[in-house]
Every structure is written in structure tokens, then in C-alpha cells.
């Protein structure tokens, strides 16, 4: 029976760094590609981490039932394709996916609970996350307010998660060891 490991956490929690670490230590995992309508960033390749779709194509695929879950973020759409997840799970593979709370809750309705492992990356209070976000790049007050609202929603999932990994400032190596212990026990 396959396993779907889902990483989630607030903006600035360090989940991207932890996912990159997992990719390096567990090349045997599958990393399903998501679809998005956002613009491709420098260095990105269509079909690598994302399939970049026009909004009309994304909406057509929603109507066709191609997605396990999808959501709006800002002006863009993001979604997880059934084809990227269901067949590998049936084949007994282990997959790792980054999702938000809404996406996890959608998947939990369609995939048996014994196949989903959720890892919530907790980096502390909003004040700490705001400091991290501001340190990464300039951000408008309105964008910061949106991220705070998402933080407040995301942190509600913490008690529901299969595992919580604390990624406190200056403690990344400890967080990596926690992640390693979880994924090596699968």
C-alpha cells in the first residue's frame, strides 16, 4: 500500500528547505508535480515541479475532474492531478507533496487515512514568521496581512497533523533530524 506524505506549514516556516532536504536523502520517493496558472519564474521548467497552464486550461481540467484538489491563491490557481497521485499510490509508491490546509482536507476525503501522513512544520508565533518573511524579501503590508490570515487558518491544523516538526530559528539541523526519523519509519 502506497503512502502520501504531505508537508504543510505557514509561510516562512521553512517547509521548502525541509522538502529539499527530503528530496536529497530520499530520491526513491516520488514528488508529484502540481499545476498552476502563475507565471513561470526564472530557472523554472514546465513539467519539472509545476505544469504551467493558462487559466482557461486549468478551468477546463477542473470541469473534467482531473484534480484531486485545487485552490485559489491570490490571483492564481493551484491543483494536484489525480494522474500524479492515485496510480503511484495504487502501485505502492511513497509520494511527498506540499499542500495547504484546504488541500490536505480535500485529499483526506478521497484517500484512505492509513495512506496519508501529514507533517506540520511549526516555526513558532506569527511574530517570528513575520520576521522571517520580511527578512527574505520586501513585502507589502497588504500581502503580509493576507499571509497572516493564512497563518491563522494553517495553525488550526497543527493538532490534526500526524506529526509536528518544530523548525525554530537556528534549529534547522534538529528539524531535519526529526523529518528524517519520520520518513525513515514509513
N, C-alpha and C. Protein backbone atom coordinates (compact mmCIF):
# COMPACT_ATOMS: atom_id res chain seq x y z
N UNK A 1 0.84 -1.18 0.00
CA UNK A 1 0.00 0.00 0.00
C UNK A 1 0.88 1.24 0.00
N UNK A 2 0.62 2.15 -0.92
CA UNK A 2 1.41 3.36 -1.02
C UNK A 2 1.11 4.34 0.09
N UNK A 3 2.00 5.29 0.24
CA UNK A 3 1.86 6.34 1.26
C UNK A 3 2.00 7.71 0.61
N UNK A 4 1.18 8.64 1.06
CA UNK A 4 1.27 10.03 0.63
C UNK A 4 1.68 10.85 1.84
N UNK A 5 2.91 11.37 1.79
CA UNK A 5 3.42 12.23 2.86
C UNK A 5 3.14 13.66 2.43
N UNK A 6 2.41 14.39 3.26
CA UNK A 6 2.05 15.76 2.95
C UNK A 6 2.72 16.68 3.96
N UNK A 7 3.47 17.64 3.43
CA UNK A 7 4.14 18.65 4.25
C UNK A 7 3.31 19.93 4.16
N UNK A 8 3.01 20.50 5.31
CA UNK A 8 2.31 21.77 5.32
C UNK A 8 2.81 22.62 6.46
N UNK A 9 2.63 23.90 6.32
CA UNK A 9 3.07 24.85 7.34
C UNK A 9 2.93 26.25 6.79
N UNK A 10 3.05 27.19 7.65
CA UNK A 10 2.86 28.59 7.29
C UNK A 10 4.00 29.11 6.43
N UNK A 11 3.73 30.22 5.77
CA UNK A 11 4.76 30.93 5.03
C UNK A 11 5.91 31.25 5.98
N UNK A 12 7.12 31.03 5.53
CA UNK A 12 8.28 31.33 6.37
C UNK A 12 8.63 30.24 7.37
N UNK A 13 7.90 29.12 7.35
CA UNK A 13 8.16 28.06 8.33
C UNK A 13 9.38 27.21 7.98
N UNK A 14 9.84 27.31 6.73
CA UNK A 14 10.99 26.53 6.31
C UNK A 14 10.63 25.21 5.67
N UNK A 15 9.35 25.04 5.32
CA UNK A 15 8.95 23.76 4.72
C UNK A 15 9.64 23.50 3.39
N UNK A 16 9.91 24.54 2.62
CA UNK A 16 10.61 24.36 1.35
C UNK A 16 12.02 23.82 1.54
N UNK A 17 12.73 24.33 2.53
CA UNK A 17 14.08 23.85 2.83
C UNK A 17 14.03 22.39 3.29
N UNK A 18 13.03 22.05 4.10
CA UNK A 18 12.90 20.67 4.58
C UNK A 18 12.52 19.72 3.44
N UNK A 19 11.68 20.18 2.54
CA UNK A 19 11.32 19.35 1.38
C UNK A 19 12.54 19.11 0.51
N UNK A 20 13.34 20.14 0.29
CA UNK A 20 14.57 19.97 -0.49
C UNK A 20 15.49 18.96 0.19
N UNK A 21 15.57 19.00 1.50
CA UNK A 21 16.38 18.03 2.26
C UNK A 21 15.85 16.61 2.01
N UNK A 22 14.54 16.43 2.08
CA UNK A 22 13.96 15.10 1.85
C UNK A 22 14.28 14.63 0.42
N UNK A 23 14.16 15.53 -0.55
CA UNK A 23 14.47 15.17 -1.94
C UNK A 23 15.90 14.65 -2.07
N UNK A 24 16.81 15.23 -1.30
CA UNK A 24 18.20 14.82 -1.36
C UNK A 24 18.44 13.47 -0.69
N UNK A 25 17.79 13.23 0.45
CA UNK A 25 18.04 11.98 1.19
C UNK A 25 17.11 10.85 0.78
N UNK A 26 16.02 11.16 0.09
CA UNK A 26 15.07 10.11 -0.33
C UNK A 26 14.72 10.24 -1.81
N UNK A 27 15.69 9.98 -2.68
CA UNK A 27 15.40 10.04 -4.11
C UNK A 27 14.43 8.95 -4.56
N UNK A 28 14.19 7.95 -3.69
CA UNK A 28 13.25 6.88 -4.02
C UNK A 28 11.80 7.33 -3.90
N UNK A 29 11.53 8.43 -3.22
CA UNK A 29 10.17 8.96 -3.13
C UNK A 29 9.79 9.57 -4.48
N UNK A 30 8.51 9.63 -4.75
CA UNK A 30 8.01 10.35 -5.91
C UNK A 30 7.56 11.73 -5.45
N UNK A 31 7.76 12.71 -6.30
CA UNK A 31 7.42 14.09 -5.98
C UNK A 31 6.44 14.59 -7.04
N UNK A 32 5.14 14.38 -6.82
CA UNK A 32 4.14 14.74 -7.83
C UNK A 32 4.22 16.21 -8.20
N UNK A 33 4.04 16.47 -9.47
CA UNK A 33 4.02 17.84 -9.96
C UNK A 33 2.61 18.39 -9.82
N UNK A 34 2.52 19.65 -9.46
CA UNK A 34 1.25 20.35 -9.36
C UNK A 34 1.04 21.18 -10.61
N UNK A 35 -0.18 21.64 -10.78
CA UNK A 35 -0.49 22.57 -11.86
C UNK A 35 -0.71 23.96 -11.26
N UNK A 36 -0.36 24.97 -12.02
CA UNK A 36 -0.59 26.34 -11.58
C UNK A 36 -0.82 27.25 -12.78
N UNK A 37 -1.52 28.33 -12.50
CA UNK A 37 -1.72 29.36 -13.53
C UNK A 37 -0.77 30.54 -13.33
N UNK A 38 0.09 30.48 -12.31
CA UNK A 38 1.01 31.60 -12.10
C UNK A 38 2.07 31.62 -13.19
N UNK A 39 2.72 32.76 -13.31
CA UNK A 39 3.80 32.91 -14.28
C UNK A 39 4.99 32.06 -13.86
N UNK A 40 5.68 31.52 -14.83
CA UNK A 40 6.90 30.76 -14.57
C UNK A 40 7.99 31.73 -14.10
N UNK A 41 8.71 31.32 -13.07
CA UNK A 41 9.80 32.14 -12.53
C UNK A 41 11.12 31.76 -13.21
N UNK A 42 12.09 32.64 -13.10
CA UNK A 42 13.41 32.38 -13.68
C UNK A 42 13.94 31.05 -13.17
N UNK A 43 14.42 30.22 -14.08
CA UNK A 43 15.01 28.94 -13.71
C UNK A 43 14.01 27.79 -13.65
N UNK A 44 12.72 28.09 -13.68
CA UNK A 44 11.73 27.02 -13.65
C UNK A 44 11.52 26.45 -15.04
N UNK A 45 11.18 25.17 -15.08
CA UNK A 45 10.93 24.47 -16.33
C UNK A 45 9.54 23.85 -16.25
N UNK A 46 8.73 24.07 -17.27
CA UNK A 46 7.40 23.49 -17.30
C UNK A 46 7.51 21.97 -17.22
N UNK A 47 6.77 21.37 -16.29
CA UNK A 47 6.78 19.93 -16.14
C UNK A 47 7.79 19.43 -15.12
N UNK A 48 8.60 20.34 -14.57
CA UNK A 48 9.57 19.93 -13.55
C UNK A 48 8.85 19.85 -12.21
N UNK A 49 8.65 20.97 -11.53
CA UNK A 49 7.87 20.96 -10.29
C UNK A 49 6.41 21.29 -10.56
N UNK A 50 6.16 22.08 -11.59
CA UNK A 50 4.81 22.50 -11.94
C UNK A 50 4.55 22.30 -13.43
N UNK A 51 3.28 22.09 -13.73
CA UNK A 51 2.78 22.25 -15.08
C UNK A 51 2.15 23.63 -15.10
N UNK A 52 2.65 24.51 -15.95
CA UNK A 52 2.13 25.87 -16.04
C UNK A 52 1.03 25.90 -17.09
N UNK A 53 -0.18 26.21 -16.63
CA UNK A 53 -1.35 26.18 -17.50
C UNK A 53 -1.98 27.56 -17.62
N UNK A 54 -2.59 27.82 -18.76
CA UNK A 54 -3.42 29.01 -18.90
C UNK A 54 -4.65 28.82 -18.01
N UNK A 55 -5.22 29.91 -17.54
CA UNK A 55 -6.38 29.83 -16.65
C UNK A 55 -7.52 29.03 -17.31
N UNK A 56 -7.74 29.23 -18.59
CA UNK A 56 -8.82 28.53 -19.30
C UNK A 56 -8.58 27.02 -19.30
N UNK A 57 -7.32 26.61 -19.50
CA UNK A 57 -6.98 25.18 -19.50
C UNK A 57 -7.15 24.60 -18.10
N UNK A 58 -6.74 25.35 -17.08
CA UNK A 58 -6.90 24.89 -15.70
C UNK A 58 -8.39 24.68 -15.41
N UNK A 59 -9.21 25.66 -15.78
CA UNK A 59 -10.65 25.56 -15.53
C UNK A 59 -11.27 24.39 -16.31
N UNK A 60 -10.79 24.14 -17.53
CA UNK A 60 -11.28 23.00 -18.31
C UNK A 60 -10.96 21.70 -17.58
N UNK A 61 -9.76 21.62 -17.00
CA UNK A 61 -9.34 20.41 -16.28
C UNK A 61 -10.11 20.24 -14.97
N UNK A 62 -10.49 21.36 -14.34
CA UNK A 62 -11.37 21.26 -13.16
C UNK A 62 -12.69 20.63 -13.58
N UNK A 63 -13.28 21.15 -14.64
CA UNK A 63 -14.56 20.65 -15.13
C UNK A 63 -14.47 19.18 -15.55
N UNK A 64 -13.32 18.77 -16.05
CA UNK A 64 -13.13 17.38 -16.49
C UNK A 64 -12.88 16.44 -15.31
N UNK A 65 -12.70 16.99 -14.11
CA UNK A 65 -12.46 16.16 -12.92
C UNK A 65 -11.03 15.64 -12.83
N UNK A 66 -10.07 16.36 -13.40
CA UNK A 66 -8.68 15.91 -13.42
C UNK A 66 -7.94 16.11 -12.09
N UNK A 67 -8.49 16.95 -11.22
CA UNK A 67 -7.79 17.30 -9.98
C UNK A 67 -8.35 16.57 -8.77
N UNK A 68 -7.45 16.15 -7.88
CA UNK A 68 -7.86 15.65 -6.56
C UNK A 68 -8.25 16.82 -5.68
N UNK A 69 -7.52 17.90 -5.82
CA UNK A 69 -7.81 19.11 -5.07
C UNK A 69 -7.25 20.28 -5.86
N UNK A 70 -7.87 21.45 -5.64
CA UNK A 70 -7.37 22.67 -6.25
C UNK A 70 -7.82 23.85 -5.41
N UNK A 71 -7.11 24.97 -5.56
CA UNK A 71 -7.43 26.15 -4.76
C UNK A 71 -6.95 27.41 -5.45
N UNK A 72 -7.54 28.53 -5.05
CA UNK A 72 -7.09 29.87 -5.44
C UNK A 72 -6.09 30.36 -4.41
N UNK A 73 -4.99 30.94 -4.88
CA UNK A 73 -4.07 31.66 -4.02
C UNK A 73 -3.79 32.97 -4.71
N UNK A 74 -4.25 34.04 -4.12
CA UNK A 74 -4.10 35.33 -4.76
C UNK A 74 -4.84 35.32 -6.09
N UNK A 75 -4.15 35.63 -7.14
CA UNK A 75 -4.75 35.67 -8.48
C UNK A 75 -4.60 34.36 -9.23
N UNK A 76 -3.95 33.37 -8.61
CA UNK A 76 -3.60 32.15 -9.33
C UNK A 76 -4.34 30.93 -8.81
N UNK A 77 -4.38 29.90 -9.64
CA UNK A 77 -4.95 28.61 -9.29
C UNK A 77 -3.82 27.59 -9.16
N UNK A 78 -3.99 26.68 -8.21
CA UNK A 78 -3.04 25.59 -8.00
C UNK A 78 -3.83 24.31 -7.82
N UNK A 79 -3.32 23.19 -8.30
CA UNK A 79 -4.04 21.93 -8.12
C UNK A 79 -3.16 20.71 -8.24
N UNK A 80 -3.64 19.63 -7.62
CA UNK A 80 -2.94 18.33 -7.65
C UNK A 80 -3.70 17.39 -8.58
N UNK A 81 -3.02 16.88 -9.58
CA UNK A 81 -3.63 16.00 -10.56
C UNK A 81 -3.82 14.59 -10.01
N UNK A 82 -4.97 14.00 -10.30
CA UNK A 82 -5.22 12.61 -9.94
C UNK A 82 -4.15 11.71 -10.55
N UNK A 83 -3.79 11.98 -11.79
CA UNK A 83 -2.83 11.13 -12.51
C UNK A 83 -1.46 11.12 -11.85
N UNK A 84 -1.10 12.18 -11.14
CA UNK A 84 0.20 12.27 -10.49
C UNK A 84 0.23 11.55 -9.13
N UNK A 85 -0.96 11.23 -8.59
CA UNK A 85 -1.02 10.71 -7.22
C UNK A 85 -1.66 9.33 -7.12
N UNK A 86 -2.82 9.13 -7.70
CA UNK A 86 -3.58 7.90 -7.46
C UNK A 86 -2.90 6.64 -7.97
N UNK A 87 -2.42 6.64 -9.21
CA UNK A 87 -1.77 5.44 -9.75
C UNK A 87 -0.51 5.07 -8.97
N UNK A 88 0.39 6.02 -8.70
CA UNK A 88 1.57 5.65 -7.89
C UNK A 88 1.19 5.10 -6.51
N UNK A 89 0.15 5.65 -5.88
CA UNK A 89 -0.31 5.11 -4.59
C UNK A 89 -0.78 3.67 -4.75
N UNK A 90 -1.54 3.41 -5.81
CA UNK A 90 -2.02 2.04 -6.07
C UNK A 90 -0.85 1.09 -6.32
N UNK A 91 0.23 1.61 -6.87
CA UNK A 91 1.42 0.79 -7.15
C UNK A 91 2.30 0.60 -5.91
N UNK A 92 1.90 1.19 -4.78
CA UNK A 92 2.64 1.02 -3.54
C UNK A 92 3.79 1.97 -3.34
N UNK A 93 3.83 3.04 -4.10
CA UNK A 93 4.92 4.01 -4.00
C UNK A 93 4.69 4.99 -2.84
N UNK A 94 5.77 5.63 -2.41
CA UNK A 94 5.68 6.70 -1.42
C UNK A 94 5.86 8.02 -2.15
N UNK A 95 4.92 8.93 -1.92
CA UNK A 95 4.93 10.23 -2.57
C UNK A 95 5.05 11.32 -1.52
N UNK A 96 5.66 12.44 -1.88
CA UNK A 96 5.74 13.59 -1.00
C UNK A 96 5.19 14.80 -1.72
N UNK A 97 4.31 15.51 -1.04
CA UNK A 97 3.61 16.64 -1.64
C UNK A 97 3.52 17.77 -0.63
N UNK A 98 3.66 18.99 -1.09
CA UNK A 98 3.44 20.17 -0.24
C UNK A 98 2.06 20.70 -0.55
N UNK A 99 1.25 20.88 0.48
CA UNK A 99 -0.11 21.40 0.31
C UNK A 99 -0.44 22.38 1.42
N UNK A 100 -1.54 23.09 1.22
CA UNK A 100 -2.08 23.92 2.29
C UNK A 100 -3.16 23.12 3.02
N UNK A 101 -3.72 23.69 4.06
CA UNK A 101 -4.72 23.01 4.88
C UNK A 101 -5.93 22.61 4.04
N UNK A 102 -6.40 23.51 3.20
CA UNK A 102 -7.56 23.21 2.36
C UNK A 102 -7.29 22.00 1.47
N UNK A 103 -6.10 21.93 0.88
CA UNK A 103 -5.74 20.81 0.03
C UNK A 103 -5.67 19.50 0.80
N UNK A 104 -5.08 19.53 1.98
CA UNK A 104 -4.99 18.32 2.81
C UNK A 104 -6.39 17.82 3.16
N UNK A 105 -7.25 18.72 3.56
CA UNK A 105 -8.61 18.31 3.94
C UNK A 105 -9.37 17.72 2.75
N UNK A 106 -9.12 18.25 1.56
CA UNK A 106 -9.74 17.68 0.36
C UNK A 106 -9.23 16.27 0.10
N UNK A 107 -7.91 16.08 0.20
CA UNK A 107 -7.32 14.76 -0.03
C UNK A 107 -7.80 13.75 1.00
N UNK A 108 -7.97 14.19 2.24
CA UNK A 108 -8.41 13.28 3.30
C UNK A 108 -9.80 12.71 3.03
N UNK A 109 -10.57 13.37 2.20
CA UNK A 109 -11.90 12.88 1.83
C UNK A 109 -11.84 11.81 0.74
N UNK A 110 -10.70 11.75 0.02
CA UNK A 110 -10.60 10.87 -1.14
C UNK A 110 -9.59 9.74 -1.01
N UNK A 111 -8.66 9.87 -0.08
CA UNK A 111 -7.61 8.87 0.09
C UNK A 111 -7.73 8.30 1.50
N UNK A 112 -7.69 6.98 1.65
CA UNK A 112 -7.82 6.38 2.98
C UNK A 112 -6.81 6.95 3.98
N UNK A 113 -7.26 7.18 5.20
CA UNK A 113 -6.43 7.82 6.22
C UNK A 113 -5.14 7.05 6.49
N UNK A 114 -5.15 5.72 6.34
CA UNK A 114 -3.93 4.96 6.60
C UNK A 114 -2.86 5.18 5.52
N UNK A 115 -3.22 5.85 4.42
CA UNK A 115 -2.26 6.13 3.36
C UNK A 115 -1.70 7.55 3.41
N UNK A 116 -2.25 8.42 4.28
CA UNK A 116 -1.81 9.81 4.34
C UNK A 116 -1.09 10.07 5.65
N UNK A 117 0.11 10.62 5.55
CA UNK A 117 0.89 11.06 6.71
C UNK A 117 1.07 12.56 6.55
N UNK A 118 0.59 13.33 7.52
CA UNK A 118 0.73 14.78 7.44
C UNK A 118 1.81 15.24 8.42
N UNK A 119 2.68 16.10 7.91
CA UNK A 119 3.76 16.67 8.73
C UNK A 119 3.59 18.19 8.72
N UNK A 120 3.24 18.73 9.87
CA UNK A 120 3.07 20.17 10.01
C UNK A 120 4.40 20.77 10.48
N UNK A 121 4.92 21.73 9.72
CA UNK A 121 6.16 22.39 10.07
C UNK A 121 5.80 23.65 10.87
N UNK A 122 6.21 23.64 12.13
CA UNK A 122 5.86 24.71 13.06
C UNK A 122 7.10 25.55 13.35
N UNK A 123 7.05 26.81 12.96
CA UNK A 123 8.19 27.70 13.20
C UNK A 123 7.90 28.71 14.29
N UNK A 124 6.79 28.53 15.00
CA UNK A 124 6.51 29.41 16.13
C UNK A 124 5.41 30.40 15.87
N UNK A 125 5.49 31.50 16.58
CA UNK A 125 4.44 32.51 16.58
C UNK A 125 4.41 33.30 15.27
N UNK A 126 3.30 34.04 15.07
CA UNK A 126 3.21 34.90 13.91
C UNK A 126 4.34 35.94 13.93
N UNK A 127 4.69 36.46 15.08
CA UNK A 127 5.75 37.46 15.16
C UNK A 127 7.07 36.91 14.60
N UNK A 128 7.38 35.65 14.92
CA UNK A 128 8.60 35.03 14.40
C UNK A 128 8.49 34.83 12.89
N UNK A 129 7.35 34.36 12.42
CA UNK A 129 7.19 34.15 10.98
C UNK A 129 7.22 35.47 10.22
N UNK A 130 6.61 36.49 10.77
CA UNK A 130 6.65 37.80 10.12
C UNK A 130 8.10 38.28 9.97
N UNK A 131 8.90 38.09 11.01
CA UNK A 131 10.30 38.47 10.95
C UNK A 131 11.01 37.72 9.82
N UNK A 132 10.75 36.41 9.70
CA UNK A 132 11.38 35.60 8.65
C UNK A 132 10.95 36.06 7.26
N UNK A 133 9.64 36.29 7.11
CA UNK A 133 9.11 36.71 5.80
C UNK A 133 9.71 38.04 5.39
N UNK A 134 9.76 38.99 6.31
CA UNK A 134 10.32 40.31 5.99
C UNK A 134 11.82 40.22 5.67
N UNK A 135 12.52 39.28 6.27
CA UNK A 135 13.95 39.13 6.03
C UNK A 135 14.25 38.54 4.65
N UNK A 136 13.29 37.78 4.09
CA UNK A 136 13.51 37.13 2.79
C UNK A 136 13.47 38.10 1.62
N UNK A 137 12.48 39.00 1.64
CA UNK A 137 12.30 39.91 0.51
C UNK A 137 11.32 41.01 0.92
N UNK A 138 11.34 42.13 0.22
CA UNK A 138 10.36 43.18 0.52
C UNK A 138 8.93 42.64 0.33
N UNK A 139 8.03 43.09 1.19
CA UNK A 139 6.65 42.63 1.13
C UNK A 139 5.72 43.78 1.53
N UNK A 140 4.63 43.90 0.82
CA UNK A 140 3.68 44.99 1.13
C UNK A 140 2.88 44.64 2.39
N UNK A 141 2.34 45.65 3.02
CA UNK A 141 1.52 45.43 4.20
C UNK A 141 0.28 44.60 3.86
N UNK A 142 -0.30 44.83 2.69
CA UNK A 142 -1.50 44.07 2.31
C UNK A 142 -1.16 42.59 2.08
N UNK A 143 -0.01 42.32 1.46
CA UNK A 143 0.41 40.92 1.26
C UNK A 143 0.73 40.27 2.60
N UNK A 144 1.36 41.00 3.49
CA UNK A 144 1.66 40.48 4.82
C UNK A 144 0.37 40.17 5.58
N UNK A 145 -0.64 41.01 5.44
CA UNK A 145 -1.93 40.77 6.10
C UNK A 145 -2.58 39.50 5.56
N UNK A 146 -2.46 39.26 4.25
CA UNK A 146 -3.00 38.02 3.65
C UNK A 146 -2.28 36.80 4.22
N UNK A 147 -0.98 36.91 4.35
CA UNK A 147 -0.20 35.79 4.88
C UNK A 147 -0.52 35.54 6.34
N UNK A 148 -0.78 36.58 7.10
CA UNK A 148 -1.16 36.40 8.50
C UNK A 148 -2.50 35.68 8.59
N UNK A 149 -3.43 36.04 7.72
CA UNK A 149 -4.73 35.37 7.70
C UNK A 149 -4.56 33.88 7.37
N UNK A 150 -3.70 33.58 6.40
CA UNK A 150 -3.41 32.18 6.07
C UNK A 150 -2.74 31.46 7.23
N UNK A 151 -1.82 32.14 7.91
CA UNK A 151 -1.17 31.56 9.09
C UNK A 151 -2.22 31.16 10.12
N UNK A 152 -3.15 32.06 10.38
CA UNK A 152 -4.18 31.78 11.38
C UNK A 152 -5.02 30.57 11.00
N UNK A 153 -5.27 30.38 9.70
CA UNK A 153 -6.00 29.20 9.23
C UNK A 153 -5.13 27.95 9.33
N UNK A 154 -3.89 28.06 8.86
CA UNK A 154 -3.00 26.90 8.82
C UNK A 154 -2.67 26.35 10.20
N UNK A 155 -2.48 27.23 11.17
CA UNK A 155 -2.09 26.79 12.50
C UNK A 155 -3.21 25.97 13.16
N UNK A 156 -4.45 26.11 12.67
CA UNK A 156 -5.55 25.31 13.22
C UNK A 156 -5.38 23.83 12.91
N UNK A 157 -4.58 23.50 11.90
CA UNK A 157 -4.38 22.10 11.51
C UNK A 157 -3.33 21.41 12.35
N UNK A 158 -2.54 22.16 13.07
CA UNK A 158 -1.41 21.62 13.81
C UNK A 158 -1.80 20.43 14.69
N UNK A 159 -2.89 20.53 15.42
CA UNK A 159 -3.31 19.45 16.31
C UNK A 159 -3.87 18.23 15.56
N UNK A 160 -4.22 18.40 14.29
CA UNK A 160 -4.74 17.30 13.48
C UNK A 160 -3.63 16.54 12.75
N UNK A 161 -2.47 17.14 12.64
CA UNK A 161 -1.38 16.55 11.86
C UNK A 161 -0.89 15.25 12.49
N UNK A 162 -0.44 14.33 11.64
CA UNK A 162 0.15 13.08 12.11
C UNK A 162 1.41 13.37 12.92
N UNK A 163 2.21 14.33 12.43
CA UNK A 163 3.46 14.71 13.08
C UNK A 163 3.59 16.22 13.04
N UNK A 164 4.25 16.79 14.04
CA UNK A 164 4.61 18.21 14.06
C UNK A 164 6.12 18.28 14.19
N UNK A 165 6.75 18.98 13.26
CA UNK A 165 8.19 19.19 13.29
C UNK A 165 8.43 20.66 13.60
N UNK A 166 9.14 20.90 14.69
CA UNK A 166 9.45 22.27 15.08
C UNK A 166 10.70 22.72 14.33
N UNK A 167 10.57 23.84 13.64
CA UNK A 167 11.69 24.41 12.89
C UNK A 167 11.96 25.82 13.41
N UNK A 168 12.44 25.88 14.64
CA UNK A 168 12.73 27.16 15.28
C UNK A 168 13.95 27.80 14.65
N UNK A 169 14.03 29.11 14.74
CA UNK A 169 15.18 29.85 14.21
C UNK A 169 16.47 29.29 14.79
N UNK A 170 17.40 28.96 13.88
CA UNK A 170 18.70 28.44 14.30
C UNK A 170 18.70 26.95 14.61
N UNK A 171 17.59 26.28 14.40
CA UNK A 171 17.47 24.85 14.76
C UNK A 171 17.14 23.98 13.55
N UNK A 172 17.56 24.39 12.36
CA UNK A 172 17.24 23.66 11.14
C UNK A 172 17.77 22.23 11.18
N UNK A 173 18.98 22.02 11.68
CA UNK A 173 19.52 20.66 11.72
C UNK A 173 18.67 19.74 12.59
N UNK A 174 18.13 20.27 13.68
CA UNK A 174 17.24 19.46 14.52
C UNK A 174 15.95 19.12 13.78
N UNK A 175 15.41 20.08 13.05
CA UNK A 175 14.20 19.84 12.26
C UNK A 175 14.46 18.78 11.20
N UNK A 176 15.63 18.84 10.55
CA UNK A 176 15.98 17.82 9.55
C UNK A 176 16.07 16.44 10.18
N UNK A 177 16.64 16.34 11.39
CA UNK A 177 16.72 15.05 12.07
C UNK A 177 15.32 14.52 12.40
N UNK A 178 14.42 15.41 12.81
CA UNK A 178 13.04 14.99 13.09
C UNK A 178 12.37 14.46 11.83
N UNK A 179 12.53 15.19 10.74
CA UNK A 179 11.95 14.78 9.44
C UNK A 179 12.53 13.43 9.02
N UNK A 180 13.85 13.27 9.15
CA UNK A 180 14.49 12.01 8.78
C UNK A 180 13.90 10.85 9.58
N UNK A 181 13.72 11.03 10.87
CA UNK A 181 13.17 9.97 11.72
C UNK A 181 11.77 9.59 11.26
N UNK A 182 10.96 10.58 10.89
CA UNK A 182 9.58 10.29 10.45
C UNK A 182 9.59 9.53 9.13
N UNK A 183 10.34 10.03 8.14
CA UNK A 183 10.28 9.39 6.82
C UNK A 183 10.99 8.05 6.80
N UNK A 184 11.99 7.88 7.65
CA UNK A 184 12.68 6.58 7.69
C UNK A 184 11.84 5.51 8.39
N UNK A 185 10.83 5.92 9.15
CA UNK A 185 9.96 4.97 9.83
C UNK A 185 8.77 4.54 8.98
N UNK A 186 8.65 5.09 7.78
CA UNK A 186 7.49 4.75 6.92
C UNK A 186 7.58 3.32 6.43
